[in-house]
Amino acid sequence: MRIHVQNPAGETLFPITEAQWRQALTRHPDMTGLTVSFADDDAGFAAGLGEADILLTWVSEVDRRLKGKLPPERAPGLKAIFCTSAGVDRLLPMDWLPARTALLNNRGTHGAKAGEYGIMALLMLANHIPTFAQAQQRGEWRPRFATLLAGRTVCVVGLGTLGGAVAGWAKRFGMTVIGVRSRATPHESCDEVVAQGDMDSVLPRADYLVLACPLTPETRGLMDRRRLALLPAGARLVNIGRGALWDQDALCDLLEGGHLGGAVTDVATPEPLPPEHRLWRAPNLLVTPHMSSDNPDTYNDISLDILFENIRAHRAGQGWPNQVRPDRGY
């Protein structure tokens, strides 16, 4: 089986290296019969794609090089495309993907880091850190006192790798955790789980709201102005999913009007966020530049482990565990 690794040109922080590949093989000694090529340029991509059984690359590379332009003759043996990202929303709809080729993501890579970021954001909101950060820029000393997370209710929308990790930390901090997912199946870290269609019934009880679901046609604009207004006065929000999950203007309006108590967002629409965008100046809002879930010390190692787990399952006739379902978008 031939693997072609296509790194983005000029990438310095997260390139998948030959050394990382060799180390991964030592962790998975059963991964025999694999050959690998690496490239970060057009010529290397064309050559590698023509011979690859699996293409390992970034979502941005698939979007730029393959979406809408992948006739079978370009990649005659391509069985799977493995993206080093969990979110593949920019590749939807998947009508460009040959029927014989599976699109895989690296779901499972981000949990530990996302969980730490999520509980950090909840603690920052509980302690008015976005408010104090803005006051510091104005040179204002205005104490505000804070309560504990324990005993408060958090609603976590999306209980996959990201949301499940945040829910676990919230539970350990003594919070009541309400989960929202596509179906109301129980989750070990949640006191209650409701289906997405019943989300309106739990929003009025949420002291905190965490958005951690993938962006799909069903979740785009999920937290619109009406739903944001269902949150109780003073509610605080965290978004580690995608900027298009909520109405950014409505969020700013409700922060400026005082209905919402604060927010932390790691995502925005567009990205990068332009300097003139009102999110930068909304009161009690902290913006981070889409870095909540990526640990450079382990990201590629875990991604390669997940790739090998998928190859192992495929060899055993069990399909691809990380295959993205076109009907769900994740």
Protein backbone atom coordinates (compact mmCIF):
# COMPACT_ATOMS: atom_id res chain seq x y z
CA MET A 1 0.00 0.00 0.00
CA ARG A 2 1.42 3.38 -1.00
CA ILE A 3 0.87 6.49 1.12
CA HIS A 4 1.56 9.95 -0.23
CA VAL A 5 2.03 12.75 2.31
CA GLN A 6 1.37 16.22 0.91
CA ASN A 7 2.41 19.02 3.25
CA PRO A 8 1.47 22.62 2.48
CA ALA A 9 4.32 24.61 0.99
CA GLY A 10 6.20 26.58 3.63
CA GLU A 11 4.52 24.88 6.59
CA THR A 12 6.84 25.05 9.62
CA LEU A 13 4.70 24.15 12.66
CA PHE A 14 2.73 21.04 11.68
CA PRO A 15 4.45 19.37 8.69
CA ILE A 16 4.38 15.59 8.79
CA THR A 17 8.01 14.53 8.65
CA GLU A 18 9.84 11.38 7.68
CA ALA A 19 11.08 11.12 11.27
CA GLN A 20 7.52 11.18 12.60
CA TRP A 21 6.56 8.51 10.07
CA ARG A 22 9.42 6.25 11.18
CA GLN A 23 8.52 6.72 14.84
CA ALA A 24 4.90 5.85 14.09
CA LEU A 25 5.99 2.62 12.41
CA THR A 26 7.86 1.63 15.59
CA ARG A 27 4.63 2.11 17.55
CA HIS A 28 2.73 -0.03 15.02
CA PRO A 29 5.05 -2.88 13.99
CA ASP A 30 2.21 -4.66 12.18
CA MET A 31 2.09 -1.84 9.59
CA THR A 32 4.17 -3.77 7.08
CA GLY A 33 4.03 -3.40 3.32
CA LEU A 34 3.65 0.38 3.38
CA THR A 35 5.67 2.69 1.17
CA VAL A 36 5.54 6.44 1.60
CA SER A 37 6.39 9.58 -0.37
CA PHE A 38 6.53 13.19 0.80
CA ALA A 39 6.06 16.44 -1.08
CA ASP A 40 5.13 20.07 -0.57
CA ASP A 41 5.06 21.23 -4.19
CA ASP A 42 2.90 20.82 -7.30
CA ALA A 43 5.17 18.35 -9.09
CA GLY A 44 5.48 16.14 -6.03
CA PHE A 45 1.72 16.21 -5.54
CA ALA A 46 0.98 15.19 -9.13
CA ALA A 47 3.47 12.33 -8.98
CA GLY A 48 2.39 11.14 -5.56
CA LEU A 49 -1.33 11.29 -6.27
CA GLY A 50 -0.96 9.23 -9.42
CA GLU A 51 0.52 6.31 -7.47
CA ALA A 52 -1.16 6.67 -4.06
CA ASP A 53 -3.55 4.27 -2.38
CA ILE A 54 -3.96 6.81 0.44
CA LEU A 55 -3.37 10.54 0.30
CA LEU A 56 -2.49 12.06 3.68
CA THR A 57 -2.83 15.85 3.65
CA TRP A 58 -4.50 18.94 5.02
CA VAL A 59 -8.11 19.93 4.36
CA SER A 60 -6.83 23.15 2.78
CA GLU A 61 -4.77 21.14 0.29
CA VAL A 62 -7.75 18.96 -0.63
CA ASP A 63 -9.89 22.07 -1.04
CA ARG A 64 -7.33 23.77 -3.25
CA ARG A 65 -6.10 20.82 -5.28
CA LEU A 66 -8.92 18.28 -5.50
CA LYS A 67 -12.38 19.64 -4.74
CA GLY A 68 -14.29 19.73 -7.99
CA LYS A 69 -11.30 18.45 -9.99
CA LEU A 70 -10.63 14.82 -9.17
CA PRO A 71 -11.42 12.73 -12.24
CA PRO A 72 -10.61 9.03 -11.74
CA GLU A 73 -7.65 9.13 -14.12
CA ARG A 74 -5.78 11.57 -11.84
CA ALA A 75 -5.68 9.04 -9.02
CA PRO A 76 -6.48 5.60 -10.43
CA GLY A 77 -5.68 3.66 -7.25
CA LEU A 78 -6.82 6.14 -4.62
CA LYS A 79 -8.72 4.31 -1.88
CA ALA A 80 -8.81 7.04 0.77
CA ILE A 81 -7.95 10.65 1.52
CA PHE A 82 -6.90 11.13 5.15
CA CYS A 83 -7.22 14.74 6.31
CA THR A 84 -5.22 15.98 9.30
CA SER A 85 -8.30 17.76 10.60
CA ALA A 86 -11.58 16.71 12.21
CA GLY A 87 -13.66 19.43 10.56
CA VAL A 88 -14.08 18.98 6.81
CA ASP A 89 -16.97 21.40 6.29
CA ARG A 90 -15.16 23.31 3.55
CA LEU A 91 -15.15 20.11 1.45
CA LEU A 92 -18.94 19.80 1.46
CA PRO A 93 -20.86 18.78 -0.54
CA MET A 94 -18.82 15.70 -1.34
CA ASP A 95 -20.10 15.24 -4.88
CA TRP A 96 -16.54 15.77 -6.16
CA LEU A 97 -15.27 12.63 -4.40
CA PRO A 98 -15.09 9.43 -6.49
CA ALA A 99 -17.40 6.72 -5.17
CA ARG A 100 -14.47 4.34 -4.67
CA THR A 101 -12.54 6.84 -2.51
CA ALA A 102 -13.26 7.33 1.19
CA LEU A 103 -12.72 10.69 2.88
CA LEU A 104 -11.26 10.24 6.37
CA ASN A 105 -10.68 12.76 9.14
CA ASN A 106 -8.47 12.58 12.22
CA ARG A 107 -11.31 12.58 14.71
CA GLY A 108 -9.85 11.69 18.12
CA THR A 109 -6.73 13.85 17.83
CA HIS A 110 -8.09 16.95 19.54
CA GLY A 111 -9.83 15.77 22.72
CA ALA A 112 -7.22 16.33 25.42
CA LYS A 113 -6.25 19.82 24.26
CA ALA A 114 -9.86 20.87 23.56
CA GLY A 115 -10.92 19.70 27.01
CA GLU A 116 -8.26 21.80 28.72
CA TYR A 117 -9.07 24.83 26.60
CA GLY A 118 -12.79 24.41 27.25
CA ILE A 119 -12.49 24.24 31.03
CA MET A 120 -10.01 27.13 30.94
CA ALA A 121 -12.57 29.20 29.03
CA LEU A 122 -15.32 28.34 31.51
CA LEU A 123 -13.06 29.30 34.42
CA MET A 124 -12.10 32.55 32.69
CA LEU A 125 -15.75 33.44 32.17
CA ALA A 126 -16.62 32.53 35.76
CA ASN A 127 -13.88 34.90 36.92
CA HIS A 128 -14.71 37.76 34.48
CA ILE A 129 -11.33 37.48 32.73
CA PRO A 130 -12.59 38.83 29.36
CA THR A 131 -13.98 41.84 31.24
CA PHE A 132 -10.73 42.39 33.16
CA ALA A 133 -8.62 41.99 30.01
CA GLN A 134 -10.54 44.81 28.35
CA ALA A 135 -10.42 46.93 31.52
CA GLN A 136 -6.65 46.48 31.65
CA GLN A 137 -6.32 48.03 28.19
CA ARG A 138 -8.21 51.07 29.50
CA GLY A 139 -6.21 51.22 32.72
CA GLU A 140 -9.33 50.67 34.86
CA TRP A 141 -9.27 49.04 38.32
CA ARG A 142 -12.82 47.78 38.91
CA PRO A 143 -13.09 44.65 41.07
CA ARG A 144 -15.80 42.11 40.27
CA PHE A 145 -16.19 39.05 42.40
CA ALA A 146 -16.91 35.56 41.14
CA THR A 147 -18.71 32.38 42.11
CA LEU A 148 -17.58 28.81 41.54
CA LEU A 149 -18.33 26.65 38.54
CA ALA A 150 -19.58 23.98 40.96
CA GLY A 151 -23.35 23.98 41.13
CA ARG A 152 -23.76 25.85 37.84
CA THR A 153 -25.30 24.35 34.71
CA VAL A 154 -23.45 24.06 31.43
CA CYS A 155 -25.05 23.04 28.15
CA VAL A 156 -22.56 21.39 25.78
CA VAL A 157 -23.73 21.29 22.17
CA GLY A 158 -21.94 18.44 20.42
CA LEU A 159 -20.63 15.44 22.39
CA GLY A 160 -17.94 14.17 20.05
CA THR A 161 -14.24 14.34 20.83
CA LEU A 162 -14.26 18.07 21.63
CA GLY A 163 -17.54 18.42 23.48
CA GLY A 164 -17.17 15.13 25.31
CA ALA A 165 -13.81 16.23 26.70
CA VAL A 166 -15.21 19.58 27.87
CA ALA A 167 -18.20 17.83 29.42
CA GLY A 168 -15.86 15.52 31.33
CA TRP A 169 -13.90 18.43 32.80
CA ALA A 170 -17.09 20.33 33.66
CA LYS A 171 -18.42 17.30 35.51
CA ARG A 172 -15.19 17.02 37.50
CA PHE A 173 -15.59 20.66 38.49
CA GLY A 174 -19.01 19.91 39.98
CA MET A 175 -21.17 21.38 37.23
CA THR A 176 -24.51 20.03 36.09
CA VAL A 177 -23.90 19.02 32.48
CA ILE A 178 -26.63 18.98 29.84
CA GLY A 179 -25.57 17.55 26.49
CA VAL A 180 -27.09 18.25 23.09
CA ARG A 181 -26.44 15.86 20.23
CA SER A 182 -28.17 14.57 17.11
CA ARG A 183 -29.94 11.87 19.13
CA ALA A 184 -30.69 11.86 22.86
CA THR A 185 -28.43 8.93 23.68
CA PRO A 186 -26.76 9.09 27.10
CA HIS A 187 -23.21 10.29 27.62
CA GLU A 188 -21.04 9.30 30.57
CA SER A 189 -20.20 12.90 31.52
CA CYS A 190 -23.72 14.32 31.17
CA ASP A 191 -26.52 14.44 33.70
CA GLU A 192 -28.99 14.84 30.85
CA VAL A 193 -28.85 14.58 27.07
CA VAL A 194 -31.39 15.97 24.62
CA ALA A 195 -31.66 15.74 20.86
CA GLN A 196 -30.74 18.81 18.85
CA GLY A 197 -34.38 19.33 17.95
CA ASP A 198 -35.21 19.73 21.65
CA MET A 199 -32.39 22.16 22.43
CA ASP A 200 -34.77 25.08 23.03
CA SER A 201 -36.13 23.32 26.11
CA VAL A 202 -32.77 23.35 27.93
CA LEU A 203 -31.28 26.70 26.89
CA PRO A 204 -33.21 28.69 29.55
CA ARG A 205 -31.46 26.58 32.22
CA ALA A 206 -27.91 27.10 30.92
CA ASP A 207 -25.62 29.34 32.96
CA TYR A 208 -22.94 28.44 30.41
CA LEU A 209 -23.16 27.25 26.81
CA VAL A 210 -20.34 25.49 24.94
CA LEU A 211 -20.54 25.04 21.16
CA ALA A 212 -18.42 22.06 20.13
CA CYS A 213 -20.34 20.49 17.26
CA PRO A 214 -19.20 20.16 13.63
CA LEU A 215 -20.43 22.62 11.03
CA THR A 216 -22.98 20.90 8.80
CA PRO A 217 -26.07 22.11 6.92
CA GLU A 218 -28.06 21.20 10.05
CA THR A 219 -25.84 23.14 12.48
CA ARG A 220 -25.02 26.22 10.40
CA GLY A 221 -26.61 29.16 12.20
CA LEU A 222 -27.78 26.84 15.00
CA MET A 223 -27.47 29.54 17.67
CA ASP A 224 -29.41 32.27 15.92
CA ARG A 225 -30.71 35.43 17.52
CA ARG A 226 -33.84 33.72 18.82
CA ARG A 227 -31.93 30.90 20.51
CA LEU A 228 -29.30 33.21 21.98
CA ALA A 229 -32.13 35.20 23.55
CA LEU A 230 -33.47 32.01 25.17
CA LEU A 231 -30.39 31.88 27.39
CA PRO A 232 -30.93 33.38 30.85
CA ALA A 233 -29.69 36.87 31.62
CA GLY A 234 -25.98 36.77 32.38
CA ALA A 235 -25.32 33.48 30.56
CA ARG A 236 -21.79 32.98 29.23
CA LEU A 237 -20.72 31.25 26.05
CA VAL A 238 -17.76 29.36 24.61
CA ASN A 239 -17.35 28.43 20.94
CA ILE A 240 -14.67 25.90 19.93
CA GLY A 241 -16.60 24.58 16.92
CA ARG A 242 -16.98 26.96 13.98
CA GLY A 243 -17.83 30.63 13.69
CA ALA A 244 -20.84 29.90 11.49
CA LEU A 245 -22.52 27.93 14.28
CA TRP A 246 -23.85 31.19 15.75
CA ASP A 247 -25.06 34.59 14.66
CA GLN A 248 -22.04 36.77 15.39
CA ASP A 249 -23.93 40.05 15.10
CA ALA A 250 -26.64 38.80 17.45
CA LEU A 251 -23.94 37.71 19.90
CA CYS A 252 -22.39 41.18 19.82
CA ASP A 253 -25.77 42.86 20.21
CA LEU A 254 -26.63 40.74 23.26
CA LEU A 255 -23.23 41.36 24.83
CA GLU A 256 -23.52 45.09 24.21
CA GLY A 257 -27.07 45.12 25.57
CA GLY A 258 -26.04 43.25 28.72
CA HIS A 259 -28.22 40.17 28.26
CA LEU A 260 -25.16 37.90 27.94
CA GLY A 261 -22.48 37.99 30.61
CA GLY A 262 -19.46 37.18 28.47
CA ALA A 263 -18.03 34.91 25.82
CA VAL A 264 -14.84 33.21 24.65
CA THR A 265 -14.54 32.20 21.02
CA ASP A 266 -11.72 30.37 19.28
CA VAL A 267 -13.45 30.55 15.90
CA ALA A 268 -14.91 33.26 13.70
CA THR A 269 -16.35 34.02 10.30
CA PRO A 270 -14.26 34.90 8.38
CA GLU A 271 -10.87 33.62 9.45
CA PRO A 272 -8.53 35.39 9.88
CA LEU A 273 -10.84 37.91 11.52
CA PRO A 274 -10.35 41.36 9.92
CA PRO A 275 -9.07 44.10 12.26
CA GLU A 276 -12.24 46.16 11.77
CA HIS A 277 -14.63 43.32 12.74
CA ARG A 278 -16.90 44.14 15.66
CA LEU A 279 -16.06 40.88 17.46
CA TRP A 280 -12.73 42.46 18.44
CA ARG A 281 -14.53 45.24 20.28
CA ALA A 282 -17.60 43.51 21.72
CA PRO A 283 -17.71 43.91 25.52
CA ASN A 284 -16.71 40.95 27.69
CA LEU A 285 -15.62 38.88 24.69
CA LEU A 286 -12.23 37.18 24.34
CA VAL A 287 -11.15 36.01 20.88
CA THR A 288 -8.40 33.45 20.27
CA PRO A 289 -7.15 32.64 16.73
CA HIS A 290 -8.40 29.05 16.16
CA MET A 291 -5.81 27.27 18.26
CA SER A 292 -7.86 25.64 21.02
CA SER A 293 -7.48 21.98 20.03
CA ASP A 294 -4.08 21.58 18.38
CA ASN A 295 -1.06 20.44 20.39
CA PRO A 296 2.08 20.71 18.22
CA ASP A 297 3.93 18.24 20.47
CA THR A 298 1.53 15.38 19.74
CA TYR A 299 -0.77 16.38 16.86
CA ASN A 300 0.95 14.56 14.01
CA ASP A 301 1.86 11.53 16.12
CA ILE A 302 -1.76 10.99 17.14
CA SER A 303 -2.94 11.63 13.57
CA LEU A 304 -0.57 8.95 12.26
CA ASP A 305 -1.74 6.54 14.98
CA ILE A 306 -5.32 7.12 13.82
CA LEU A 307 -4.34 6.61 10.19
CA PHE A 308 -2.72 3.27 11.05
CA GLU A 309 -5.79 2.23 13.04
CA ASN A 310 -7.87 2.88 9.93
CA ILE A 311 -5.49 0.92 7.70
CA ARG A 312 -5.60 -1.96 10.20
CA ALA A 313 -9.40 -1.97 10.20
CA HIS A 314 -9.54 -1.74 6.40
CA ARG A 315 -7.19 -4.69 6.04
CA ALA A 316 -9.46 -6.68 8.36
CA GLY A 317 -12.46 -5.91 6.18
CA GLN A 318 -14.01 -3.58 8.78
CA GLY A 319 -14.13 -0.44 6.65
CA TRP A 320 -12.63 2.91 7.63
CA PRO A 321 -13.51 3.94 11.23
CA ASN A 322 -12.85 7.62 10.51
CA GLN A 323 -14.77 7.79 7.25
CA VAL A 324 -16.75 11.00 6.84
CA ARG A 325 -20.38 10.33 6.03
CA PRO A 326 -21.60 12.55 3.17
CA ASP A 327 -25.14 12.65 4.60
CA ARG A 328 -23.89 13.97 7.95
CA GLY A 329 -20.80 15.95 6.92
CA TYR A 330 -18.56 14.46 9.63
